[in-house]
């Protein structure tokens, strides 16, 4: 009860209006930030014929102190910054004189309540109080350390831009703005998190993005009530359509070119301060098997690689289950010579094939997790040496057969190709493996039908997850399993914009030059 009452009193005090007496404002702020060691402040006296006190406060580490000294302190204290005209204006209206003639920064606003001061100072702005005025300046001079723009490790490519998002929201906004130089590209901010007050910025192109989807995104974000938003993954879990599904219905990327391309198709991007991962909605299943490089290369190899990714998806999910099915229930499907070899390899193995496959799959996941969590030089060594040593030792010890090691290796390699679906792939792999161990191919068939039915039921902000396959949208098949030449992709995806949206003119097909 006492803690709640104390919190309520603090909220009431922080919402007070700024007082004419600067000392009251100073005491109020010092009381609010009483136990905040990073709260910094400075009292100075304005250079003027009158003695006017000025109070400057900011959070240490979030601002550029050199900029504060150069653009705030010196202009207010040193006589070299004053001329006769400024001195006359200063004597009449100090506040407006400081605003219009002395402070040479463009990113400045006026506030009239202590709560606004507290909120903006915590974000990294600098507050300037002038004695005798019931308002204050808030100046943006952010100066915290941040990572440079560099190529994202999670989405490497051979051809295309090498820049990736960083943890600073303003930098990420600029990276998108550089790609889409249009006045129709809009950015809207909101704050989420009672304690963190994280800035969330949604981006879309007016007249291309569906207004109903934009409003739906805003409503879902506004309905979030939580203490903290530390990464965009928090947002994803709060606003997704199907929270119990294993499939991601919200896209994410570290690449500005990929996010810009999705915005140009009519999607909405959700940027979160403090993380390089940007969310995009709506999301369809086929997107997880596409990469930006598909559009930077000619369509023939891009289409072939897309087919390979689809094949890799089926192999990484179904290879262990297929091996268990044919070796346990359907030996007649194996050629006689291969069956003899497999039987000889499994003769000394004391465990059933299902137990063997489950054991090796778990071992692989443990090795992969160890490789990810350990420091990079050590992690790669652990992954390679662990796979070789443990695999070879397990075969020599008679715990697993050599064909099983090959199956798990094929499963692992193909799994690295479809990393956007990594979570769902691992769960589906064990799901089909259990059904195959119990019922053979019949169990696999039932499990596959169940997965397809579940995928068909999913929606992402109103868009069918399996579009353009279910429902069938023939016009979007030009950029589905295969990619036709860019000059044939004349309209944006109708499943995203919900309308026929023209993207380019009809005469972009290259023509042979006249002789």
Protein backbone atom coordinates (compact mmCIF):
# COMPACT_ATOMS: atom_id res chain seq x y z
CA UNK A 1 0.00 0.00 0.00
CA UNK A 2 2.79 2.42 0.95
CA UNK A 3 4.77 1.62 -2.21
CA UNK A 4 1.73 2.27 -4.41
CA UNK A 5 1.01 5.55 -2.62
CA UNK A 6 4.63 6.65 -3.00
CA UNK A 7 4.58 5.86 -6.71
CA UNK A 8 1.32 7.75 -7.14
CA UNK A 9 2.74 10.80 -5.35
CA UNK A 10 5.84 10.70 -7.54
CA UNK A 11 3.69 10.61 -10.68
CA UNK A 12 1.65 13.56 -9.42
CA UNK A 13 4.77 15.56 -8.65
CA UNK A 14 6.35 14.76 -12.02
CA UNK A 15 3.27 16.09 -13.83
CA UNK A 16 3.49 19.52 -12.21
CA UNK A 17 3.85 22.62 -14.32
CA UNK A 18 7.19 24.34 -14.49
CA UNK A 19 7.46 27.06 -11.81
CA UNK A 20 8.58 30.66 -12.30
CA UNK A 21 11.13 30.18 -9.53
CA UNK A 22 13.95 28.12 -11.04
CA UNK A 23 15.02 26.81 -7.62
CA UNK A 24 11.71 24.99 -7.22
CA UNK A 25 12.20 23.31 -10.58
CA UNK A 26 15.76 22.34 -9.66
CA UNK A 27 14.66 20.80 -6.36
CA UNK A 28 11.83 18.94 -8.10
CA UNK A 29 14.21 17.37 -10.62
CA UNK A 30 16.82 16.55 -8.02
CA UNK A 31 14.16 14.80 -5.95
CA UNK A 32 12.95 12.74 -8.93
CA UNK A 33 16.51 11.74 -9.90
CA UNK A 34 17.70 11.51 -6.32
CA UNK A 35 19.26 8.05 -6.67
CA UNK A 36 20.22 8.28 -10.35
CA UNK A 37 24.01 8.54 -10.44
CA UNK A 38 24.00 9.33 -14.16
CA UNK A 39 21.84 12.45 -13.76
CA UNK A 40 24.09 15.45 -14.49
CA UNK A 41 23.31 19.13 -14.15
CA UNK A 42 24.96 22.52 -14.20
CA UNK A 43 24.02 25.96 -12.85
CA UNK A 44 25.21 28.95 -14.84
CA UNK A 45 24.49 32.67 -14.86
CA UNK A 46 23.29 34.25 -18.09
CA UNK A 47 25.59 36.98 -19.43
CA UNK A 48 23.32 39.99 -19.26
CA UNK A 49 22.82 43.27 -17.50
CA UNK A 50 20.45 41.43 -15.19
CA UNK A 51 21.47 38.47 -13.05
CA UNK A 52 19.49 35.53 -14.45
CA UNK A 53 20.13 31.95 -13.42
CA UNK A 54 20.06 29.11 -15.93
CA UNK A 55 19.82 25.40 -15.06
CA UNK A 56 20.98 22.71 -17.53
CA UNK A 57 20.42 18.99 -16.92
CA UNK A 58 20.99 15.78 -18.89
CA UNK A 59 21.79 12.07 -18.49
CA UNK A 60 25.49 11.31 -18.53
CA UNK A 61 26.47 9.01 -21.39
CA UNK A 62 23.46 9.81 -23.56
CA UNK A 63 24.54 13.24 -24.78
CA UNK A 64 27.59 14.90 -26.32
CA UNK A 65 29.00 17.05 -23.52
CA UNK A 66 31.28 18.86 -25.98
CA UNK A 67 28.20 19.91 -27.95
CA UNK A 68 26.51 21.16 -24.77
CA UNK A 69 29.55 23.28 -23.97
CA UNK A 70 29.84 24.61 -27.52
CA UNK A 71 26.20 25.24 -28.40
CA UNK A 72 24.56 25.94 -25.03
CA UNK A 73 26.97 26.94 -22.28
CA UNK A 74 29.29 29.23 -24.25
CA UNK A 75 26.54 31.19 -26.05
CA UNK A 76 24.82 31.84 -22.71
CA UNK A 77 27.92 32.82 -20.73
CA UNK A 78 30.47 34.46 -23.01
CA UNK A 79 30.12 38.13 -24.07
CA UNK A 80 31.61 37.41 -27.50
CA UNK A 81 28.30 35.91 -28.53
CA UNK A 82 26.36 39.10 -27.81
CA UNK A 83 25.96 42.17 -29.95
CA UNK A 84 24.09 45.38 -29.16
CA UNK A 85 20.90 44.23 -30.88
CA UNK A 86 20.87 40.90 -29.06
CA UNK A 87 21.49 42.68 -25.77
CA UNK A 88 18.47 44.92 -26.34
CA UNK A 89 16.25 41.94 -27.16
CA UNK A 90 17.64 40.10 -24.17
CA UNK A 91 16.58 42.86 -21.79
CA UNK A 92 12.98 42.72 -23.08
CA UNK A 93 12.35 38.98 -23.39
CA UNK A 94 15.15 36.70 -22.25
CA UNK A 95 13.45 33.41 -23.14
CA UNK A 96 12.70 34.29 -26.78
CA UNK A 97 16.06 35.98 -27.18
CA UNK A 98 17.83 32.82 -26.09
CA UNK A 99 15.65 30.76 -28.39
CA UNK A 100 16.01 32.90 -31.52
CA UNK A 101 19.50 34.34 -31.31
CA UNK A 102 21.74 32.37 -28.98
CA UNK A 103 20.96 28.67 -29.22
CA UNK A 104 22.06 27.67 -32.71
CA UNK A 105 20.57 24.17 -32.73
CA UNK A 106 17.62 23.23 -34.92
CA UNK A 107 16.29 20.25 -32.95
CA UNK A 108 14.70 22.16 -30.06
CA UNK A 109 11.24 22.36 -28.51
CA UNK A 110 9.50 24.09 -25.61
CA UNK A 111 7.70 22.26 -22.80
CA UNK A 112 5.65 23.46 -19.83
CA UNK A 113 5.51 20.47 -17.46
CA UNK A 114 8.07 18.62 -15.41
CA UNK A 115 6.83 15.26 -16.73
CA UNK A 116 7.75 16.24 -20.29
CA UNK A 117 11.19 17.29 -19.10
CA UNK A 118 11.75 14.01 -17.25
CA UNK A 119 10.59 11.89 -20.19
CA UNK A 120 12.78 13.65 -22.75
CA UNK A 121 15.84 13.85 -20.50
CA UNK A 122 15.63 10.07 -20.00
CA UNK A 123 15.63 9.71 -23.78
CA UNK A 124 18.89 11.63 -24.02
CA UNK A 125 17.81 15.24 -24.52
CA UNK A 126 19.19 18.25 -22.66
CA UNK A 127 16.85 20.49 -20.65
CA UNK A 128 17.49 24.22 -20.21
CA UNK A 129 15.56 26.21 -17.56
CA UNK A 130 15.65 30.02 -17.35
CA UNK A 131 14.71 31.73 -14.11
CA UNK A 132 11.41 33.60 -14.29
CA UNK A 133 9.79 31.55 -17.06
CA UNK A 134 7.23 28.74 -16.75
CA UNK A 135 8.67 26.74 -19.64
CA UNK A 136 11.93 25.09 -20.62
CA UNK A 137 13.93 24.15 -23.71
CA UNK A 138 14.57 20.53 -24.66
CA UNK A 139 17.47 20.14 -27.07
CA UNK A 140 18.42 16.93 -28.86
CA UNK A 141 22.18 16.29 -28.69
CA UNK A 142 22.45 12.52 -28.54
CA UNK A 143 25.96 11.23 -28.15
CA UNK A 144 25.93 7.65 -26.87
CA UNK A 145 28.20 4.99 -28.33
CA UNK A 146 26.72 2.90 -31.14
CA UNK A 147 27.75 0.28 -33.66
CA UNK A 148 28.73 1.35 -37.15
CA UNK A 149 26.66 0.41 -40.18
CA UNK A 150 28.09 -2.86 -41.50
CA UNK A 151 27.03 -6.00 -43.33
CA UNK A 152 24.65 -8.15 -41.24
CA UNK A 153 26.07 -11.54 -40.34
CA UNK A 154 22.69 -13.29 -40.37
CA UNK A 155 21.85 -12.33 -43.98
CA UNK A 156 25.06 -12.36 -45.98
CA UNK A 157 24.91 -12.11 -49.76
CA UNK A 158 27.21 -12.27 -52.79
CA UNK A 159 25.69 -9.41 -54.75
CA UNK A 160 23.89 -6.41 -53.30
CA UNK A 161 24.32 -3.71 -50.63
CA UNK A 162 26.64 -4.42 -47.71
CA UNK A 163 24.89 -2.25 -45.14
CA UNK A 164 22.69 -3.43 -42.32
CA UNK A 165 20.53 -1.91 -39.62
CA UNK A 166 22.04 -0.91 -36.27
CA UNK A 167 20.63 -0.34 -32.80
CA UNK A 168 19.94 3.40 -33.28
CA UNK A 169 16.44 4.18 -34.52
CA UNK A 170 17.37 7.42 -36.32
CA UNK A 171 20.11 5.65 -38.29
CA UNK A 172 17.74 2.87 -39.34
CA UNK A 173 15.18 5.43 -40.44
CA UNK A 174 17.80 7.18 -42.55
CA UNK A 175 18.84 3.89 -44.16
CA UNK A 176 15.27 3.29 -45.32
CA UNK A 177 14.85 6.90 -46.41
CA UNK A 178 17.96 6.60 -48.58
CA UNK A 179 16.36 3.67 -50.39
CA UNK A 180 12.92 5.27 -50.81
CA UNK A 181 13.29 8.96 -51.58
CA UNK A 182 9.58 9.78 -51.59
CA UNK A 183 7.34 12.16 -49.67
CA UNK A 184 4.77 9.35 -49.51
CA UNK A 185 7.07 7.32 -47.25
CA UNK A 186 5.69 7.97 -43.76
CA UNK A 187 7.10 7.32 -40.30
CA UNK A 188 4.90 7.38 -37.19
CA UNK A 189 6.14 7.00 -33.60
CA UNK A 190 4.66 5.60 -30.42
CA UNK A 191 6.11 4.57 -27.07
CA UNK A 192 5.53 1.15 -25.53
CA UNK A 193 6.67 -0.14 -22.14
CA UNK A 194 5.80 1.40 -18.79
CA UNK A 195 9.41 1.34 -17.62
CA UNK A 196 11.49 1.28 -20.81
CA UNK A 197 9.24 3.65 -22.85
CA UNK A 198 10.74 2.18 -26.01
CA UNK A 199 10.17 4.15 -29.19
CA UNK A 200 8.40 2.10 -31.86
CA UNK A 201 8.31 3.57 -35.37
CA UNK A 202 6.03 2.21 -38.11
CA UNK A 203 6.82 2.95 -41.73
CA UNK A 204 4.72 2.59 -44.87
CA UNK A 205 4.02 4.29 -48.19
CA UNK A 206 0.80 6.23 -48.40
CA UNK A 207 -1.52 5.15 -51.26
CA UNK A 208 0.32 1.81 -51.59
CA UNK A 209 -0.09 0.22 -48.14
CA UNK A 210 -3.63 -0.87 -47.31
CA UNK A 211 -5.06 1.73 -44.85
CA UNK A 212 -6.99 -0.98 -42.98
CA UNK A 213 -3.80 -2.95 -42.36
CA UNK A 214 -2.02 0.22 -41.21
CA UNK A 215 -4.81 0.93 -38.69
CA UNK A 216 -4.77 -2.69 -37.54
CA UNK A 217 -1.03 -2.48 -36.89
CA UNK A 218 -1.48 0.73 -34.87
CA UNK A 219 -4.33 -0.73 -32.81
CA UNK A 220 -2.40 -3.88 -31.96
CA UNK A 221 0.63 -1.85 -30.90
CA UNK A 222 -1.48 0.52 -28.79
CA UNK A 223 -3.08 -2.45 -26.99
CA UNK A 224 0.29 -3.68 -25.68
CA UNK A 225 0.55 -3.22 -21.91
CA UNK A 226 3.91 -4.35 -20.57
CA UNK A 227 6.80 -3.07 -18.48
CA UNK A 228 9.52 -3.51 -21.05
CA UNK A 229 10.19 -3.78 -24.78
CA UNK A 230 13.87 -4.67 -25.20
CA UNK A 231 13.83 -6.13 -28.71
CA UNK A 232 11.53 -6.38 -31.70
CA UNK A 233 10.88 -10.03 -30.75
CA UNK A 234 8.77 -8.72 -27.85
CA UNK A 235 6.60 -6.79 -30.31
CA UNK A 236 6.32 -9.79 -32.63
CA UNK A 237 4.93 -12.02 -29.89
CA UNK A 238 2.38 -9.41 -28.79
CA UNK A 239 0.87 -8.63 -32.20
CA UNK A 240 1.03 -11.87 -34.23
CA UNK A 241 -2.24 -13.37 -35.47
CA UNK A 242 -1.59 -16.94 -34.35
CA UNK A 243 0.39 -16.99 -31.09
CA UNK A 244 0.11 -20.79 -30.77
CA UNK A 245 1.48 -21.52 -34.24
CA UNK A 246 5.08 -22.62 -34.76
CA UNK A 247 5.28 -20.71 -38.06
CA UNK A 248 6.40 -17.06 -38.16
CA UNK A 249 3.61 -14.85 -39.52
CA UNK A 250 5.68 -11.67 -39.09
CA UNK A 251 8.85 -11.14 -41.09
CA UNK A 252 12.09 -9.72 -39.73
CA UNK A 253 15.31 -8.57 -41.35
CA UNK A 254 18.55 -6.68 -40.72
CA UNK A 255 18.84 -5.56 -44.36
CA UNK A 256 17.58 -2.08 -45.39
CA UNK A 257 17.23 -3.14 -49.05
CA UNK A 258 15.01 -6.07 -48.10
CA UNK A 259 12.79 -3.97 -45.82
CA UNK A 260 12.57 -1.20 -48.43
CA UNK A 261 11.51 -3.72 -51.08
CA UNK A 262 8.75 -5.02 -48.81
CA UNK A 263 7.53 -1.50 -48.04
CA UNK A 264 7.39 -0.79 -51.78
CA UNK A 265 5.17 -3.85 -52.18
CA UNK A 266 2.67 -2.44 -49.68
CA UNK A 267 3.86 -3.88 -46.40
CA UNK A 268 4.31 -2.04 -43.11
CA UNK A 269 7.68 -1.99 -41.35
CA UNK A 270 7.95 -1.81 -37.55
CA UNK A 271 11.24 -0.40 -36.26
CA UNK A 272 12.19 -0.78 -32.59
CA UNK A 273 14.77 1.40 -30.90
CA UNK A 274 17.69 -0.65 -29.59
CA UNK A 275 17.66 -3.52 -32.10
CA UNK A 276 18.79 -3.98 -35.72
CA UNK A 277 15.91 -6.36 -36.53
CA UNK A 278 12.99 -4.67 -38.30
CA UNK A 279 9.59 -6.39 -38.48
CA UNK A 280 7.45 -6.41 -41.64
CA UNK A 281 3.77 -7.28 -42.01
CA UNK A 282 1.89 -8.95 -43.61
CA UNK A 283 4.11 -12.01 -44.15
CA UNK A 284 3.42 -14.97 -46.44
CA UNK A 285 5.08 -18.39 -46.31
CA UNK A 286 6.86 -18.17 -49.66
CA UNK A 287 8.82 -15.12 -48.44
CA UNK A 288 10.83 -17.30 -46.06
CA UNK A 289 12.31 -19.11 -49.08
CA UNK A 290 13.26 -15.94 -50.96
CA UNK A 291 16.33 -13.70 -50.53
CA UNK A 292 17.03 -10.15 -51.84
CA UNK A 293 19.77 -11.52 -54.08
CA UNK A 294 17.10 -13.29 -56.15
CA UNK A 295 16.21 -9.90 -57.63
CA UNK A 296 19.78 -8.72 -58.19
CA UNK A 297 20.67 -11.67 -60.41
CA UNK A 298 19.15 -12.85 -63.67
CA UNK A 299 15.97 -14.92 -63.27
CA UNK A 300 17.25 -18.31 -64.41
CA UNK A 301 19.69 -19.05 -61.60
CA UNK A 302 17.46 -17.27 -59.08
CA UNK A 303 14.54 -19.54 -59.96
CA UNK A 304 16.72 -22.65 -59.77
CA UNK A 305 18.04 -21.65 -56.35
CA UNK A 306 14.49 -21.07 -55.10
CA UNK A 307 13.59 -24.60 -56.16
CA UNK A 308 16.68 -25.87 -54.33
CA UNK A 309 15.57 -24.04 -51.16
CA UNK A 310 12.15 -25.68 -51.34
CA UNK A 311 13.84 -29.05 -51.82
CA UNK A 312 16.13 -28.29 -48.86
CA UNK A 313 13.07 -27.51 -46.71
CA UNK A 314 11.53 -30.91 -47.45
CA UNK A 315 14.85 -32.72 -46.91
CA UNK A 316 15.68 -31.09 -43.57
CA UNK A 317 12.19 -31.82 -42.25
CA UNK A 318 11.60 -35.28 -43.66
CA UNK A 319 14.95 -37.06 -44.13
CA UNK A 320 15.19 -38.61 -40.62
CA UNK A 321 11.51 -39.62 -40.73
CA UNK A 322 11.84 -41.16 -44.20
CA UNK A 323 14.93 -43.13 -43.14
CA UNK A 324 13.17 -44.47 -40.04
CA UNK A 325 10.06 -45.37 -42.08
CA UNK A 326 11.81 -47.32 -44.83
CA UNK A 327 14.27 -49.09 -42.52
CA UNK A 328 11.62 -50.09 -39.96
CA UNK A 329 8.32 -50.58 -41.80
CA UNK A 330 8.88 -50.47 -45.55
CA UNK A 331 12.09 -52.40 -46.32
CA UNK A 332 10.60 -53.53 -49.65
CA UNK A 333 11.07 -49.99 -50.96
CA UNK A 334 14.86 -50.21 -50.56
CA UNK A 335 16.96 -51.78 -53.39
CA UNK A 336 18.28 -55.20 -52.36
CA UNK A 337 21.95 -54.27 -52.51
CA UNK A 338 21.42 -51.11 -50.45
CA UNK A 339 19.26 -53.01 -47.98
CA UNK A 340 22.06 -55.54 -47.48
CA UNK A 341 24.56 -52.75 -46.82
CA UNK A 342 22.23 -51.04 -44.35
CA UNK A 343 21.52 -54.31 -42.57
CA UNK A 344 25.25 -55.02 -42.22
CA UNK A 345 25.86 -51.53 -40.84
CA UNK A 346 23.00 -51.82 -38.33
CA UNK A 347 23.84 -55.38 -37.22
CA UNK A 348 25.99 -54.28 -34.27
CA UNK A 349 23.74 -51.37 -33.22
CA UNK A 350 21.87 -52.20 -29.98
CA UNK A 351 19.12 -49.57 -30.42
CA UNK A 352 16.10 -49.41 -32.73
CA UNK A 353 16.40 -47.06 -35.72
CA UNK A 354 13.92 -44.61 -34.18
CA UNK A 355 15.97 -44.29 -30.97
CA UNK A 356 19.14 -43.98 -33.03
CA UNK A 357 17.69 -41.20 -35.20
CA UNK A 358 16.28 -39.32 -32.21
CA UNK A 359 19.58 -39.54 -30.33
CA UNK A 360 21.63 -38.26 -33.28
CA UNK A 361 19.18 -35.44 -34.03
CA UNK A 362 19.33 -34.24 -30.42
CA UNK A 363 23.15 -34.44 -30.44
CA UNK A 364 23.24 -32.32 -33.61
CA UNK A 365 20.96 -29.66 -32.08
CA UNK A 366 23.16 -29.54 -28.98
CA UNK A 367 26.28 -29.09 -31.11
CA UNK A 368 24.61 -26.36 -33.16
CA UNK A 369 23.49 -24.52 -30.03
CA UNK A 370 26.98 -24.78 -28.55
CA UNK A 371 28.48 -23.37 -31.73
CA UNK A 372 26.10 -20.40 -31.62
CA UNK A 373 26.52 -19.53 -27.92
CA UNK A 374 30.27 -19.90 -27.59
CA UNK A 375 32.68 -17.14 -28.75
CA UNK A 376 32.98 -17.15 -32.53
CA UNK A 377 36.50 -18.67 -32.92
CA UNK A 378 35.79 -21.37 -30.34
CA UNK A 379 32.23 -21.98 -31.57
CA UNK A 380 33.22 -22.86 -35.13
CA UNK A 381 35.91 -25.24 -33.82
CA UNK A 382 33.45 -26.92 -31.46
CA UNK A 383 30.91 -27.39 -34.27
CA UNK A 384 33.36 -28.95 -36.72
CA UNK A 385 35.45 -31.00 -34.29
CA UNK A 386 32.38 -32.07 -32.32
CA UNK A 387 30.56 -33.29 -35.42
CA UNK A 388 33.60 -35.19 -36.72
CA UNK A 389 34.81 -36.64 -33.45
CA UNK A 390 31.45 -37.54 -31.96
CA UNK A 391 30.13 -38.92 -35.25
CA UNK A 392 33.20 -41.04 -35.90
CA UNK A 393 33.44 -42.18 -32.27
CA UNK A 394 29.74 -43.10 -32.18
CA UNK A 395 30.12 -45.26 -35.30
CA UNK A 396 33.30 -46.95 -33.99
CA UNK A 397 31.66 -47.60 -30.63
CA UNK A 398 28.65 -49.20 -32.29
CA UNK A 399 26.15 -46.68 -30.93
CA UNK A 400 24.93 -45.49 -34.34
CA UNK A 401 25.29 -46.74 -37.90
CA UNK A 402 27.20 -44.98 -40.66
CA UNK A 403 24.03 -44.43 -42.78
CA UNK A 404 22.44 -42.63 -39.83
CA UNK A 405 25.40 -40.23 -39.62
CA UNK A 406 24.94 -39.46 -43.33
CA UNK A 407 21.22 -38.84 -42.80
CA UNK A 408 21.83 -36.43 -39.91
CA UNK A 409 24.56 -34.62 -41.86
CA UNK A 410 22.21 -34.15 -44.84
CA UNK A 411 19.53 -32.92 -42.47
CA UNK A 412 21.92 -30.40 -40.91
CA UNK A 413 23.27 -29.04 -44.20
CA UNK A 414 19.82 -28.51 -45.72
CA UNK A 415 18.62 -26.93 -42.46
CA UNK A 416 21.20 -24.15 -42.78
CA UNK A 417 19.61 -23.15 -46.10
CA UNK A 418 16.19 -22.32 -44.62
CA UNK A 419 17.24 -20.40 -41.49
CA UNK A 420 14.13 -18.11 -41.41
CA UNK A 421 12.07 -21.23 -40.64
CA UNK A 422 14.58 -22.70 -38.18
CA UNK A 423 12.21 -22.83 -35.17
CA UNK A 424 9.38 -24.46 -37.12
CA UNK A 425 11.75 -26.86 -38.92
CA UNK A 426 13.15 -28.31 -35.68
CA UNK A 427 9.69 -28.92 -34.23
CA UNK A 428 8.31 -30.40 -37.48
CA UNK A 429 11.36 -32.65 -37.79
CA UNK A 430 10.72 -34.25 -34.39
CA UNK A 431 6.96 -34.32 -35.01
CA UNK A 432 7.31 -36.33 -38.24
CA UNK A 433 10.06 -38.48 -36.74
CA UNK A 434 7.79 -39.59 -33.90
CA UNK A 435 4.91 -40.35 -36.29
CA UNK A 436 7.27 -42.24 -38.63
CA UNK A 437 8.62 -44.28 -35.73
CA UNK A 438 5.09 -45.24 -34.71
CA UNK A 439 3.26 -45.71 -38.03
CA UNK A 440 5.82 -45.49 -40.83
CA UNK A 441 4.85 -43.67 -44.03
CA UNK A 442 1.20 -43.60 -42.93
CA UNK A 443 2.18 -41.54 -39.90
CA UNK A 444 4.28 -39.22 -42.05
CA UNK A 445 1.35 -38.76 -44.43
CA UNK A 446 -1.01 -37.89 -41.58
CA UNK A 447 1.53 -35.46 -40.13
CA UNK A 448 2.10 -33.79 -43.51
CA UNK A 449 -1.65 -33.33 -44.04
CA UNK A 450 -1.92 -31.83 -40.56
CA UNK A 451 0.91 -29.34 -41.27
CA UNK A 452 -0.59 -28.30 -44.63
CA UNK A 453 -4.04 -27.87 -43.08
CA UNK A 454 -2.54 -25.74 -40.31
CA UNK A 455 -0.65 -23.58 -42.82
CA UNK A 456 -3.84 -23.08 -44.82
CA UNK A 457 -5.64 -21.78 -41.72
CA UNK A 458 -3.05 -19.12 -40.88
CA UNK A 459 -3.45 -15.41 -41.58
CA UNK A 460 -1.02 -12.52 -41.27
CA UNK A 461 -2.93 -9.28 -40.73
CA UNK A 462 -5.72 -10.54 -42.96
CA UNK A 463 -3.46 -12.01 -45.68
CA UNK A 464 -3.68 -15.80 -46.26
CA UNK A 465 -0.35 -17.31 -45.22
CA UNK A 466 -0.13 -19.65 -48.22
CA UNK A 467 -0.97 -16.97 -50.81
CA UNK A 468 -0.66 -17.03 -53.80
CA UNK A 469 -1.05 -20.85 -53.74
CA UNK A 470 -4.05 -20.97 -51.42
CA UNK A 471 -6.03 -19.02 -52.45
CA UNK A 472 -4.82 -19.21 -56.04
CA UNK A 473 -3.67 -15.83 -57.38
CA UNK A 474 -2.20 -16.65 -60.78
CA UNK A 475 -0.79 -13.19 -61.35
CA UNK A 476 1.48 -13.58 -58.31
CA UNK A 477 2.93 -16.88 -59.51
CA UNK A 478 5.36 -14.80 -61.56
CA UNK A 479 7.29 -14.24 -58.33
CA UNK A 480 6.63 -17.39 -56.33
CA UNK A 481 8.41 -20.70 -56.69
CA UNK A 482 10.20 -19.23 -59.72
CA UNK A 483 10.96 -15.62 -60.58
CA UNK A 484 10.18 -14.31 -64.02
CA UNK A 485 12.15 -11.35 -65.45
CA UNK A 486 11.64 -8.07 -63.63
CA UNK A 487 10.01 -6.43 -66.64
CA UNK A 488 7.16 -8.95 -66.36
CA UNK A 489 6.44 -8.11 -62.68
CA UNK A 490 4.14 -5.22 -63.55
CA UNK A 491 1.96 -5.15 -60.44
CA UNK A 492 2.41 -5.40 -56.69
CA UNK A 493 1.19 -8.49 -54.80
CA UNK A 494 -2.59 -8.30 -54.59
CA UNK A 495 -2.56 -10.54 -51.52
CA UNK A 496 -0.66 -7.77 -49.66
CA UNK A 497 -2.29 -4.57 -50.94
CA UNK A 498 -5.74 -6.19 -51.54
CA UNK A 499 -6.01 -4.24 -54.78
CA UNK A 500 -4.51 -4.26 -58.25
CA UNK A 501 -1.56 -1.93 -57.82
CA UNK A 502 0.52 -1.08 -60.86
CA UNK A 503 4.27 -1.13 -60.24
CA UNK A 504 5.82 -0.32 -63.61
CA UNK A 505 5.02 0.51 -67.22
CA UNK A 506 4.31 -2.04 -69.96
CA UNK A 507 7.30 -1.23 -72.16
CA UNK A 508 10.27 -2.21 -69.97
CA UNK A 509 11.16 -5.33 -71.95
CA UNK A 510 14.68 -4.95 -73.36
CA UNK A 511 14.68 -4.51 -77.12
CA UNK A 512 17.35 -5.40 -79.62
CA UNK A 513 19.02 -2.22 -80.89
CA UNK A 514 18.44 -1.33 -84.50
CA UNK A 515 21.27 -2.15 -86.87
